[in-house]
Amino acid sequence: MGIVRKKLIKKCKGNVFLFEVFEEKIGKSKIKRDVVKSPKAIGILPLLDKNKIVLIRQFRFAINKEIWEIPAGMLRKGEKPEVGAKRELKEETGYEAKELKKIGEFYLSPGYSTEYMYLFLARGLKKGEQSLEKGEKIKEVKIFSKKEVLKMIKSRKIVDAKTILALFFSGLT
């Protein structure tokens, strides 16, 4: 279709995200589009061995509940994805990885957001101390078997898309 003609009509800065409203002209009609501008993000699938996966149980404000998911976070300005992945893994789980391998990258929800995520597989894990950032509400760090995680997905105990995609990209499904 090509480049669409659009005009910025509203802008609002949040703590992390920038919210913009555009007016798009399609034929004789004008349609308003909301866009969330987001920093890039990383997600990490930590493997203790080929059958043991580390997940976190975290409260998510937007959906007002705790969910099981892989460690993840936003990249800091100028931070390389591998560096951010190591930092987030340590902060959220206490684990440090000897080996990080990029297994995928994608837009999380391109219908309204610019958020782009890099997924990593972490191996050679060594347990240390968690160092949560202010405001993080991680309730539990737990080791699951691959079989348990797949059951949790099927029974909707895991409903987080990046976690499901990480398993898919890793070849563990």
N, C-alpha and C. Protein backbone atom coordinates (compact mmCIF):
# COMPACT_ATOMS: atom_id res chain seq x y z
N MET A 1 0.82 -1.19 0.00
CA MET A 1 0.00 0.00 0.00
C MET A 1 0.86 1.26 0.00
N GLY A 2 2.05 1.20 0.57
CA GLY A 2 2.92 2.37 0.58
C GLY A 2 2.77 3.19 1.85
N ILE A 3 3.39 4.35 1.84
CA ILE A 3 3.38 5.22 3.00
C ILE A 3 2.04 5.93 3.11
N VAL A 4 1.51 5.96 4.32
CA VAL A 4 0.21 6.57 4.59
C VAL A 4 0.42 8.02 5.02
N ARG A 5 -0.45 8.91 4.55
CA ARG A 5 -0.39 10.31 4.99
C ARG A 5 -1.03 10.40 6.37
N LYS A 6 -0.26 10.95 7.30
CA LYS A 6 -0.78 11.06 8.66
C LYS A 6 -0.31 12.36 9.29
N LYS A 7 -1.06 12.81 10.28
CA LYS A 7 -0.74 14.06 10.96
C LYS A 7 -0.82 13.82 12.47
N LEU A 8 0.22 14.21 13.19
CA LEU A 8 0.23 14.10 14.65
C LEU A 8 -0.72 15.14 15.22
N ILE A 9 -1.69 14.69 16.04
CA ILE A 9 -2.63 15.65 16.61
C ILE A 9 -2.56 15.73 18.14
N LYS A 10 -1.91 14.75 18.78
CA LYS A 10 -1.79 14.78 20.23
C LYS A 10 -0.59 13.96 20.67
N LYS A 11 0.07 14.39 21.74
CA LYS A 11 1.26 13.70 22.25
C LYS A 11 1.23 13.77 23.78
N CYS A 12 1.57 12.66 24.44
CA CYS A 12 1.59 12.63 25.90
C CYS A 12 2.73 11.72 26.35
N LYS A 13 3.57 12.22 27.25
CA LYS A 13 4.71 11.43 27.73
C LYS A 13 4.36 10.81 29.08
N GLY A 14 4.53 9.49 29.17
CA GLY A 14 4.36 8.79 30.44
C GLY A 14 5.71 8.60 31.10
N ASN A 15 5.78 7.72 32.10
CA ASN A 15 7.05 7.44 32.78
C ASN A 15 8.08 6.83 31.85
N VAL A 16 7.64 5.93 30.98
CA VAL A 16 8.54 5.21 30.08
C VAL A 16 8.13 5.38 28.62
N PHE A 17 6.85 5.42 28.37
CA PHE A 17 6.33 5.42 27.01
C PHE A 17 5.89 6.80 26.56
N LEU A 18 5.84 6.97 25.24
CA LEU A 18 5.31 8.18 24.63
C LEU A 18 4.03 7.76 23.90
N PHE A 19 2.95 8.45 24.16
CA PHE A 19 1.67 8.15 23.54
C PHE A 19 1.38 9.23 22.50
N GLU A 20 1.05 8.80 21.29
CA GLU A 20 0.76 9.75 20.22
C GLU A 20 -0.56 9.38 19.56
N VAL A 21 -1.29 10.40 19.15
CA VAL A 21 -2.53 10.20 18.40
C VAL A 21 -2.32 10.86 17.04
N PHE A 22 -2.57 10.08 16.00
CA PHE A 22 -2.41 10.56 14.63
C PHE A 22 -3.78 10.60 13.95
N GLU A 23 -3.88 11.47 12.97
CA GLU A 23 -5.04 11.48 12.11
C GLU A 23 -4.56 11.00 10.74
N GLU A 24 -5.21 9.97 10.24
CA GLU A 24 -4.83 9.37 8.97
C GLU A 24 -5.96 9.62 7.97
N LYS A 25 -5.59 10.00 6.77
CA LYS A 25 -6.59 10.24 5.74
C LYS A 25 -6.65 9.02 4.82
N ILE A 26 -7.83 8.44 4.74
CA ILE A 26 -8.07 7.30 3.85
C ILE A 26 -9.23 7.70 2.94
N GLY A 27 -8.90 8.00 1.70
CA GLY A 27 -9.92 8.52 0.77
C GLY A 27 -10.43 9.84 1.31
N LYS A 28 -11.74 9.92 1.54
CA LYS A 28 -12.33 11.15 2.08
C LYS A 28 -12.51 11.07 3.60
N SER A 29 -12.20 9.91 4.16
CA SER A 29 -12.38 9.71 5.61
C SER A 29 -11.12 10.04 6.39
N LYS A 30 -11.32 10.49 7.62
CA LYS A 30 -10.20 10.72 8.55
C LYS A 30 -10.38 9.76 9.72
N ILE A 31 -9.31 9.04 10.05
CA ILE A 31 -9.35 8.06 11.14
C ILE A 31 -8.26 8.40 12.14
N LYS A 32 -8.58 8.31 13.42
CA LYS A 32 -7.58 8.56 14.46
C LYS A 32 -6.92 7.23 14.83
N ARG A 33 -5.60 7.28 14.97
CA ARG A 33 -4.79 6.11 15.34
C ARG A 33 -3.96 6.42 16.57
N ASP A 34 -4.00 5.54 17.56
CA ASP A 34 -3.17 5.67 18.76
C ASP A 34 -1.89 4.86 18.58
N VAL A 35 -0.77 5.44 18.98
CA VAL A 35 0.53 4.75 18.89
C VAL A 35 1.25 4.90 20.23
N VAL A 36 1.75 3.77 20.74
CA VAL A 36 2.58 3.77 21.95
C VAL A 36 4.02 3.61 21.47
N LYS A 37 4.86 4.63 21.71
CA LYS A 37 6.28 4.57 21.35
C LYS A 37 7.01 3.97 22.55
N SER A 38 7.75 2.91 22.31
CA SER A 38 8.37 2.15 23.39
C SER A 38 9.84 1.90 23.13
N PRO A 39 10.64 1.85 24.20
CA PRO A 39 12.03 1.40 24.02
C PRO A 39 12.03 -0.07 23.59
N LYS A 40 13.12 -0.51 23.00
CA LYS A 40 13.24 -1.93 22.65
C LYS A 40 13.35 -2.75 23.93
N ALA A 41 13.03 -4.05 23.83
CA ALA A 41 12.97 -4.90 25.02
C ALA A 41 13.70 -6.22 24.77
N ILE A 42 13.98 -6.92 25.88
CA ILE A 42 14.60 -8.24 25.80
C ILE A 42 13.83 -9.21 26.69
N GLY A 43 13.83 -10.47 26.26
CA GLY A 43 13.27 -11.56 27.06
C GLY A 43 14.30 -12.67 27.09
N ILE A 44 14.38 -13.37 28.22
CA ILE A 44 15.40 -14.40 28.39
C ILE A 44 14.75 -15.71 28.83
N LEU A 45 15.03 -16.79 28.11
CA LEU A 45 14.58 -18.13 28.50
C LEU A 45 15.75 -18.81 29.20
N PRO A 46 15.75 -18.86 30.54
CA PRO A 46 16.87 -19.46 31.28
C PRO A 46 16.71 -20.98 31.39
N LEU A 47 17.71 -21.72 30.91
CA LEU A 47 17.70 -23.18 30.98
C LEU A 47 18.79 -23.66 31.94
N LEU A 48 18.38 -24.45 32.94
CA LEU A 48 19.37 -25.06 33.84
C LEU A 48 19.98 -26.29 33.18
N ASP A 49 19.18 -27.02 32.46
CA ASP A 49 19.65 -28.09 31.57
C ASP A 49 18.58 -28.20 30.48
N LYS A 50 18.66 -29.20 29.64
CA LYS A 50 17.72 -29.23 28.51
C LYS A 50 16.26 -29.41 28.92
N ASN A 51 16.00 -29.81 30.16
CA ASN A 51 14.63 -30.01 30.61
C ASN A 51 14.19 -29.12 31.77
N LYS A 52 15.04 -28.24 32.27
CA LYS A 52 14.70 -27.39 33.43
C LYS A 52 14.70 -25.92 33.02
N ILE A 53 13.57 -25.26 33.25
CA ILE A 53 13.37 -23.87 32.84
C ILE A 53 13.09 -23.01 34.07
N VAL A 54 13.71 -21.85 34.14
CA VAL A 54 13.49 -20.91 35.24
C VAL A 54 12.45 -19.88 34.79
N LEU A 55 11.37 -19.76 35.57
CA LEU A 55 10.34 -18.76 35.31
C LEU A 55 10.15 -17.88 36.53
N ILE A 56 9.56 -16.72 36.31
CA ILE A 56 9.24 -15.82 37.42
C ILE A 56 7.72 -15.64 37.49
N ARG A 57 7.24 -15.46 38.71
CA ARG A 57 5.83 -15.11 38.92
C ARG A 57 5.82 -13.65 39.33
N GLN A 58 5.16 -12.84 38.51
CA GLN A 58 5.25 -11.39 38.67
C GLN A 58 3.87 -10.75 38.58
N PHE A 59 3.65 -9.75 39.43
CA PHE A 59 2.40 -8.98 39.35
C PHE A 59 2.51 -8.01 38.18
N ARG A 60 1.48 -8.02 37.33
CA ARG A 60 1.43 -7.11 36.18
C ARG A 60 0.26 -6.15 36.37
N PHE A 61 0.59 -4.89 36.55
CA PHE A 61 -0.38 -3.85 36.87
C PHE A 61 -1.48 -3.74 35.81
N ALA A 62 -1.12 -3.76 34.53
CA ALA A 62 -2.08 -3.54 33.45
C ALA A 62 -3.21 -4.57 33.45
N ILE A 63 -2.92 -5.81 33.85
CA ILE A 63 -3.95 -6.85 33.88
C ILE A 63 -4.39 -7.18 35.30
N ASN A 64 -3.77 -6.51 36.28
CA ASN A 64 -4.12 -6.64 37.69
C ASN A 64 -4.06 -8.08 38.21
N LYS A 65 -3.00 -8.80 37.81
CA LYS A 65 -2.81 -10.15 38.35
C LYS A 65 -1.37 -10.60 38.21
N GLU A 66 -1.06 -11.68 38.92
CA GLU A 66 0.26 -12.29 38.84
C GLU A 66 0.25 -13.33 37.73
N ILE A 67 1.35 -13.37 36.96
CA ILE A 67 1.46 -14.37 35.89
C ILE A 67 2.86 -14.97 35.90
N TRP A 68 2.96 -16.19 35.37
CA TRP A 68 4.26 -16.84 35.17
C TRP A 68 4.79 -16.41 33.82
N GLU A 69 6.07 -16.07 33.78
CA GLU A 69 6.69 -15.61 32.54
C GLU A 69 8.21 -15.74 32.61
N ILE A 70 8.85 -15.53 31.47
CA ILE A 70 10.31 -15.48 31.44
C ILE A 70 10.75 -14.11 31.94
N PRO A 71 11.98 -13.99 32.45
CA PRO A 71 12.50 -12.67 32.81
C PRO A 71 12.58 -11.80 31.55
N ALA A 72 12.29 -10.52 31.71
CA ALA A 72 12.29 -9.61 30.56
C ALA A 72 12.38 -8.17 31.06
N GLY A 73 12.67 -7.28 30.14
CA GLY A 73 12.70 -5.87 30.51
C GLY A 73 13.05 -5.01 29.31
N MET A 74 13.13 -3.73 29.56
CA MET A 74 13.44 -2.78 28.49
C MET A 74 14.93 -2.49 28.44
N LEU A 75 15.41 -2.27 27.24
CA LEU A 75 16.80 -1.87 27.07
C LEU A 75 16.98 -0.43 27.52
N ARG A 76 18.10 -0.15 28.14
CA ARG A 76 18.44 1.22 28.49
C ARG A 76 18.98 1.91 27.25
N LYS A 77 18.94 3.22 27.24
CA LYS A 77 19.41 3.99 26.08
C LYS A 77 20.85 3.59 25.74
N GLY A 78 21.08 3.17 24.49
CA GLY A 78 22.40 2.80 24.01
C GLY A 78 22.87 1.41 24.42
N GLU A 79 22.06 0.68 25.19
CA GLU A 79 22.45 -0.64 25.68
C GLU A 79 22.27 -1.69 24.59
N LYS A 80 23.25 -2.56 24.42
CA LYS A 80 23.16 -3.65 23.45
C LYS A 80 22.21 -4.73 24.01
N PRO A 81 21.45 -5.41 23.14
CA PRO A 81 20.51 -6.43 23.62
C PRO A 81 21.15 -7.50 24.52
N GLU A 82 22.34 -7.98 24.18
CA GLU A 82 23.00 -9.02 24.98
C GLU A 82 23.31 -8.50 26.39
N VAL A 83 23.74 -7.25 26.48
CA VAL A 83 24.07 -6.64 27.78
C VAL A 83 22.80 -6.49 28.61
N GLY A 84 21.73 -6.02 27.98
CA GLY A 84 20.45 -5.88 28.67
C GLY A 84 19.90 -7.22 29.13
N ALA A 85 20.08 -8.26 28.31
CA ALA A 85 19.60 -9.59 28.68
C ALA A 85 20.33 -10.11 29.92
N LYS A 86 21.64 -9.94 29.97
CA LYS A 86 22.41 -10.37 31.15
C LYS A 86 21.97 -9.60 32.39
N ARG A 87 21.77 -8.28 32.23
CA ARG A 87 21.36 -7.44 33.35
C ARG A 87 19.99 -7.85 33.89
N GLU A 88 19.02 -8.01 33.00
CA GLU A 88 17.67 -8.37 33.42
C GLU A 88 17.62 -9.76 34.06
N LEU A 89 18.35 -10.71 33.50
CA LEU A 89 18.39 -12.06 34.08
C LEU A 89 18.89 -12.01 35.52
N LYS A 90 19.97 -11.28 35.75
CA LYS A 90 20.54 -11.15 37.10
C LYS A 90 19.58 -10.42 38.03
N GLU A 91 19.04 -9.29 37.57
CA GLU A 91 18.12 -8.50 38.41
C GLU A 91 16.91 -9.31 38.85
N GLU A 92 16.28 -9.99 37.90
CA GLU A 92 14.99 -10.62 38.18
C GLU A 92 15.08 -12.02 38.76
N THR A 93 16.16 -12.75 38.48
CA THR A 93 16.25 -14.14 38.97
C THR A 93 17.44 -14.38 39.89
N GLY A 94 18.47 -13.55 39.78
CA GLY A 94 19.71 -13.79 40.51
C GLY A 94 20.69 -14.65 39.72
N TYR A 95 20.26 -15.23 38.61
CA TYR A 95 21.13 -16.09 37.81
C TYR A 95 22.02 -15.26 36.88
N GLU A 96 23.24 -15.76 36.69
CA GLU A 96 24.14 -15.23 35.67
C GLU A 96 24.37 -16.33 34.65
N ALA A 97 24.45 -15.96 33.37
CA ALA A 97 24.59 -16.94 32.29
C ALA A 97 25.99 -16.91 31.70
N LYS A 98 26.56 -18.10 31.51
CA LYS A 98 27.84 -18.23 30.80
C LYS A 98 27.61 -18.02 29.30
N GLU A 99 26.45 -18.49 28.83
CA GLU A 99 26.17 -18.44 27.39
C GLU A 99 24.81 -17.82 27.13
N LEU A 100 24.78 -16.84 26.24
CA LEU A 100 23.53 -16.23 25.77
C LEU A 100 23.47 -16.37 24.26
N LYS A 101 22.34 -16.86 23.77
CA LYS A 101 22.19 -17.03 22.32
C LYS A 101 20.88 -16.37 21.89
N LYS A 102 20.97 -15.46 20.92
CA LYS A 102 19.75 -14.83 20.41
C LYS A 102 18.97 -15.87 19.62
N ILE A 103 17.68 -16.03 19.97
CA ILE A 103 16.85 -17.04 19.31
C ILE A 103 15.69 -16.45 18.51
N GLY A 104 15.46 -15.15 18.65
CA GLY A 104 14.37 -14.55 17.89
C GLY A 104 14.23 -13.07 18.18
N GLU A 105 13.48 -12.40 17.34
CA GLU A 105 13.14 -11.00 17.55
C GLU A 105 11.85 -10.70 16.80
N PHE A 106 11.05 -9.77 17.35
CA PHE A 106 9.73 -9.51 16.80
C PHE A 106 9.12 -8.25 17.41
N TYR A 107 8.09 -7.73 16.76
CA TYR A 107 7.26 -6.67 17.33
C TYR A 107 6.23 -7.35 18.22
N LEU A 108 5.99 -6.77 19.40
CA LEU A 108 5.04 -7.37 20.33
C LEU A 108 3.58 -7.14 19.94
N SER A 109 3.25 -5.94 19.52
CA SER A 109 1.87 -5.64 19.13
C SER A 109 1.86 -4.47 18.14
N PRO A 110 2.24 -4.72 16.88
CA PRO A 110 2.44 -3.64 15.91
C PRO A 110 1.17 -2.90 15.50
N GLY A 111 0.02 -3.34 15.96
CA GLY A 111 -1.21 -2.62 15.66
C GLY A 111 -1.29 -1.27 16.37
N TYR A 112 -0.56 -1.13 17.49
CA TYR A 112 -0.59 0.14 18.22
C TYR A 112 0.73 0.50 18.90
N SER A 113 1.71 -0.40 18.88
CA SER A 113 2.95 -0.17 19.63
C SER A 113 4.19 -0.39 18.76
N THR A 114 5.24 0.39 19.05
CA THR A 114 6.52 0.22 18.36
C THR A 114 7.44 -0.75 19.09
N GLU A 115 6.98 -1.34 20.21
CA GLU A 115 7.86 -2.18 21.03
C GLU A 115 8.38 -3.38 20.24
N TYR A 116 9.71 -3.53 20.26
CA TYR A 116 10.41 -4.58 19.53
C TYR A 116 11.21 -5.38 20.56
N MET A 117 11.12 -6.70 20.51
CA MET A 117 11.77 -7.53 21.52
C MET A 117 12.76 -8.50 20.90
N TYR A 118 13.90 -8.65 21.60
CA TYR A 118 14.91 -9.65 21.29
C TYR A 118 14.77 -10.76 22.32
N LEU A 119 14.75 -12.02 21.85
CA LEU A 119 14.68 -13.16 22.77
C LEU A 119 16.01 -13.89 22.81
N PHE A 120 16.40 -14.28 24.02
CA PHE A 120 17.66 -14.99 24.23
C PHE A 120 17.43 -16.28 24.99
N LEU A 121 18.27 -17.26 24.69
CA LEU A 121 18.35 -18.50 25.44
C LEU A 121 19.58 -18.37 26.33
N ALA A 122 19.40 -18.58 27.64
CA ALA A 122 20.52 -18.47 28.59
C ALA A 122 20.87 -19.85 29.13
N ARG A 123 22.16 -20.19 29.04
CA ARG A 123 22.65 -21.49 29.53
C ARG A 123 23.87 -21.27 30.42
N GLY A 124 24.28 -22.36 31.10
CA GLY A 124 25.44 -22.27 31.98
C GLY A 124 25.14 -21.33 33.14
N LEU A 125 23.98 -21.53 33.76
CA LEU A 125 23.51 -20.61 34.80
C LEU A 125 24.18 -20.84 36.14
N LYS A 126 24.50 -19.73 36.80
CA LYS A 126 25.08 -19.76 38.14
C LYS A 126 24.20 -18.88 39.03
N LYS A 127 23.71 -19.45 40.14
CA LYS A 127 22.78 -18.73 41.02
C LYS A 127 23.50 -17.72 41.89
N GLY A 128 22.92 -16.54 41.97
CA GLY A 128 23.41 -15.47 42.82
C GLY A 128 22.24 -14.78 43.48
N GLU A 129 22.41 -13.52 43.82
CA GLU A 129 21.36 -12.74 44.47
C GLU A 129 20.57 -11.91 43.46
N GLN A 130 19.25 -11.88 43.65
CA GLN A 130 18.39 -11.00 42.87
C GLN A 130 18.72 -9.56 43.20
N SER A 131 18.54 -8.67 42.25
CA SER A 131 18.71 -7.23 42.51
C SER A 131 17.60 -6.47 41.78
N LEU A 132 16.38 -6.61 42.29
CA LEU A 132 15.20 -6.03 41.65
C LEU A 132 15.28 -4.52 41.57
N GLU A 133 14.78 -3.98 40.47
CA GLU A 133 14.67 -2.54 40.32
C GLU A 133 13.45 -2.05 41.09
N LYS A 134 13.45 -0.78 41.43
CA LYS A 134 12.33 -0.17 42.14
C LYS A 134 11.03 -0.41 41.34
N GLY A 135 10.01 -0.87 42.03
CA GLY A 135 8.71 -1.07 41.40
C GLY A 135 8.49 -2.47 40.84
N GLU A 136 9.54 -3.29 40.74
CA GLU A 136 9.34 -4.66 40.24
C GLU A 136 8.69 -5.50 41.33
N LYS A 137 7.69 -6.28 40.92
CA LYS A 137 6.92 -7.07 41.88
C LYS A 137 7.03 -8.55 41.55
N ILE A 138 8.24 -9.07 41.59
CA ILE A 138 8.45 -10.49 41.33
C ILE A 138 8.22 -11.24 42.63
N LYS A 139 7.22 -12.12 42.61
CA LYS A 139 6.81 -12.83 43.81
C LYS A 139 7.58 -14.12 44.03
N GLU A 140 8.06 -14.72 42.91
CA GLU A 140 8.68 -16.03 43.02
C GLU A 140 9.55 -16.31 41.79
N VAL A 141 10.67 -16.98 42.02
CA VAL A 141 11.52 -17.51 40.95
C VAL A 141 11.49 -19.01 41.14
N LYS A 142 11.08 -19.75 40.12
CA LYS A 142 10.88 -21.20 40.29
C LYS A 142 11.39 -21.97 39.07
N ILE A 143 11.88 -23.16 39.34
CA ILE A 143 12.37 -24.06 38.29
C ILE A 143 11.26 -25.05 37.94
N PHE A 144 10.99 -25.17 36.65
CA PHE A 144 9.97 -26.09 36.15
C PHE A 144 10.61 -27.04 35.14
N SER A 145 10.02 -28.22 35.00
CA SER A 145 10.45 -29.10 33.91
C SER A 145 9.80 -28.59 32.63
N LYS A 146 10.39 -28.96 31.51
CA LYS A 146 9.84 -28.58 30.20
C LYS A 146 8.40 -29.08 30.09
N LYS A 147 8.17 -30.30 30.56
CA LYS A 147 6.84 -30.90 30.51
C LYS A 147 5.83 -30.07 31.32
N GLU A 148 6.23 -29.63 32.51
CA GLU A 148 5.35 -28.79 33.34
C GLU A 148 5.00 -27.48 32.64
N VAL A 149 6.00 -26.85 32.03
CA VAL A 149 5.78 -25.58 31.34
C VAL A 149 4.81 -25.75 30.17
N LEU A 150 4.98 -26.80 29.40
CA LEU A 150 4.08 -27.05 28.27
C LEU A 150 2.65 -27.30 28.76
N LYS A 151 2.50 -28.02 29.88
CA LYS A 151 1.17 -28.23 30.49
C LYS A 151 0.57 -26.90 30.95
N MET A 152 1.42 -26.04 31.53
CA MET A 152 0.95 -24.73 32.01
C MET A 152 0.45 -23.87 30.85
N ILE A 153 1.08 -23.98 29.70
CA ILE A 153 0.63 -23.23 28.52
C ILE A 153 -0.73 -23.77 28.07
N LYS A 154 -0.84 -25.09 27.96
CA LYS A 154 -2.10 -25.71 27.50
C LYS A 154 -3.26 -25.42 28.45
N SER A 155 -2.97 -25.35 29.76
CA SER A 155 -4.03 -25.10 30.74
C SER A 155 -4.21 -23.61 31.04
N ARG A 156 -3.55 -22.76 30.30
CA ARG A 156 -3.61 -21.30 30.42
C ARG A 156 -3.11 -20.77 31.76
N LYS A 157 -2.19 -21.51 32.38
CA LYS A 157 -1.51 -20.99 33.57
C LYS A 157 -0.36 -20.08 33.13
N ILE A 158 0.10 -20.27 31.90
CA ILE A 158 1.04 -19.34 31.26
C ILE A 158 0.28 -18.73 30.09
N VAL A 159 0.09 -17.40 30.16
CA VAL A 159 -0.67 -16.69 29.12
C VAL A 159 0.14 -15.56 28.50
N ASP A 160 1.41 -15.52 28.82
CA ASP A 160 2.30 -14.45 28.36
C ASP A 160 2.89 -14.82 27.00
N ALA A 161 2.66 -13.97 26.00
CA ALA A 161 3.07 -14.26 24.62
C ALA A 161 4.58 -14.41 24.46
N LYS A 162 5.38 -13.55 25.10
CA LYS A 162 6.83 -13.64 24.92
C LYS A 162 7.37 -14.96 25.47
N THR A 163 6.76 -15.46 26.54
CA THR A 163 7.18 -16.73 27.13
C THR A 163 6.87 -17.88 26.18
N ILE A 164 5.68 -17.87 25.63
CA ILE A 164 5.28 -18.92 24.68
C ILE A 164 6.16 -18.85 23.43
N LEU A 165 6.42 -17.64 22.93
CA LEU A 165 7.29 -17.50 21.75
C LEU A 165 8.73 -17.94 22.04
N ALA A 166 9.22 -17.65 23.24
CA ALA A 166 10.58 -18.07 23.60
C ALA A 166 10.71 -19.58 23.54
N LEU A 167 9.71 -20.29 24.03
CA LEU A 167 9.73 -21.76 23.96
C LEU A 167 9.68 -22.23 22.52
N PHE A 168 8.86 -21.58 21.71
CA PHE A 168 8.76 -21.92 20.30
C PHE A 168 10.10 -21.69 19.58
N PHE A 169 10.67 -20.48 19.75
CA PHE A 169 11.94 -20.15 19.08
C PHE A 169 13.09 -21.03 19.56
N SER A 170 13.03 -21.49 20.80
CA SER A 170 14.13 -22.30 21.36
C SER A 170 14.11 -23.73 20.82
N GLY A 171 12.97 -24.13 20.25
CA GLY A 171 12.84 -25.51 19.77
C GLY A 171 12.44 -26.48 20.86
N LEU A 172 12.06 -25.99 22.04
CA LEU A 172 11.70 -26.86 23.16
C LEU A 172 10.25 -27.34 23.12
N THR A 173 9.44 -26.80 22.20
CA THR A 173 8.02 -27.17 22.17
C THR A 173 7.79 -28.47 21.44
